[in-house]
Amino acid sequence: MNEGQARQKIERSAKAEALLRNEILQDGFKYLEGQFIEAWRNSSVGDTESRERLYQLLQNLDALKGYFQSVIEDGKLAKMQLDEVKRQTDFNNRQR
C-alpha cells in the first residue's frame, strides 16, 4: 500500500467513526432493530416467509454496522503502517 492509499483509508476511517458516533444514525439502527424484532414477535407461527425476511433484515443491519467497523479497522492499520514508515525514514535520515 502506498502513502496515498494509506491516507485515503485513514480519512475513510475517520468518516466511518464519525458516522458511528452520530446520534441520529445510532437511533436509526436501534429503531430498525427494534421494529424488526417486534415484527418477528408479532408474526404468526406459520408465517415463515415473513420471519425469514425479518431475519435477513437484521442480518443486513448487522452487516452494515460490520462494514463501518471494518473501514475503521482498516484505517487504524493504515495509520500504524504510515507511522512505522515514518519512524523508519526518520531513523534512516539520522543515520546519514
Protein backbone atom coordinates (compact mmCIF):
# COMPACT_ATOMS: atom_id res chain seq x y z
CA MET A 1 0.00 0.00 0.00
CA ASN A 2 1.38 3.38 -0.93
CA GLU A 3 1.15 6.52 1.17
CA GLY A 4 -1.80 7.92 -0.79
CA GLN A 5 -3.83 4.75 -0.33
CA ALA A 6 -2.99 4.68 3.37
CA ARG A 7 -4.05 8.29 3.83
CA GLN A 8 -7.30 7.58 1.99
CA LYS A 9 -8.02 4.65 4.32
CA ILE A 10 -7.28 6.84 7.34
CA GLU A 11 -9.67 9.50 6.03
CA ARG A 12 -12.40 6.94 5.38
CA SER A 13 -11.86 5.53 8.85
CA ALA A 14 -12.41 8.94 10.41
CA LYS A 15 -15.62 9.37 8.42
CA ALA A 16 -16.88 5.92 9.47
CA GLU A 17 -16.09 6.69 13.11
CA ALA A 18 -17.98 9.97 12.84
CA LEU A 19 -20.97 8.14 11.40
CA LEU A 20 -20.98 5.57 14.18
CA ARG A 21 -20.78 8.35 16.77
CA ASN A 22 -23.69 10.14 15.11
CA GLU A 23 -26.64 10.03 17.50
CA ILE A 24 -29.25 10.04 14.74
CA LEU A 25 -27.64 7.12 12.92
CA GLN A 26 -27.37 5.16 16.18
CA ASP A 27 -31.02 5.93 16.91
CA GLY A 28 -31.89 4.71 13.42
CA PHE A 29 -30.04 1.43 13.95
CA LYS A 30 -31.76 0.89 17.30
CA TYR A 31 -35.14 1.85 15.89
CA LEU A 32 -34.88 -0.52 12.93
CA GLU A 33 -33.61 -3.38 15.06
CA GLY A 34 -36.47 -2.84 17.49
CA GLN A 35 -39.01 -2.70 14.67
CA PHE A 36 -37.68 -5.90 13.10
CA ILE A 37 -37.70 -7.77 16.41
CA GLU A 38 -41.15 -6.53 17.30
CA ALA A 39 -42.49 -7.58 13.89
CA TRP A 40 -40.91 -11.01 14.37
CA ARG A 41 -42.51 -11.38 17.82
CA ASN A 42 -45.90 -10.42 16.41
CA SER A 43 -45.71 -12.70 13.39
CA SER A 44 -47.82 -15.81 13.33
CA VAL A 45 -46.14 -19.14 13.89
CA GLY A 46 -46.87 -20.29 10.35
CA ASP A 47 -45.59 -17.13 8.66
CA THR A 48 -42.11 -18.45 7.96
CA GLU A 49 -41.66 -16.20 4.93
CA SER A 50 -42.06 -13.04 6.99
CA ARG A 51 -39.84 -14.41 9.75
CA GLU A 52 -37.13 -15.24 7.24
CA ARG A 53 -37.36 -11.77 5.70
CA LEU A 54 -37.10 -10.14 9.13
CA TYR A 55 -34.11 -12.32 9.96
CA GLN A 56 -32.44 -11.24 6.72
CA LEU A 57 -33.16 -7.58 7.52
CA LEU A 58 -31.50 -7.96 10.93
CA GLN A 59 -28.52 -9.67 9.30
CA ASN A 60 -28.23 -6.84 6.77
CA LEU A 61 -28.32 -4.26 9.54
CA ASP A 62 -25.52 -6.09 11.35
CA ALA A 63 -23.57 -6.35 8.10
CA LEU A 64 -23.81 -2.58 7.62
CA LYS A 65 -22.51 -1.96 11.14
CA GLY A 66 -19.77 -4.50 10.49
CA TYR A 67 -18.78 -2.71 7.31
CA PHE A 68 -18.31 0.55 9.20
CA GLN A 69 -16.22 -1.28 11.80
CA SER A 70 -14.11 -2.84 9.05
CA VAL A 71 -13.43 0.57 7.49
CA ILE A 72 -12.40 1.87 10.92
CA GLU A 73 -10.04 -1.04 11.49
CA ASP A 74 -8.53 -0.66 8.01
CA GLY A 75 -7.82 2.98 8.81
CA LYS A 76 -6.16 2.09 12.11
CA LEU A 77 -3.93 -0.43 10.37
CA ALA A 78 -3.05 2.07 7.64
CA LYS A 79 -2.13 4.65 10.29
CA MET A 80 0.11 2.14 12.05
CA GLN A 81 1.81 1.34 8.74
CA LEU A 82 2.33 5.02 7.91
CA ASP A 83 3.70 5.66 11.40
CA GLU A 84 6.12 2.77 11.00
CA VAL A 85 7.33 4.03 7.60
CA LYS A 86 7.80 7.50 9.09
CA ARG A 87 9.79 6.08 12.03
CA GLN A 88 12.00 4.10 9.67
CA THR A 89 12.52 7.11 7.43
CA ASP A 90 13.39 9.33 10.41
CA PHE A 91 15.78 6.68 11.72
CA ASN A 92 17.46 6.29 8.33
CA ASN A 93 17.82 10.06 7.99
CA ARG A 94 19.52 10.29 11.40
CA GLN A 95 21.95 7.56 10.41
CA ARG A 96 23.31 9.57 7.49
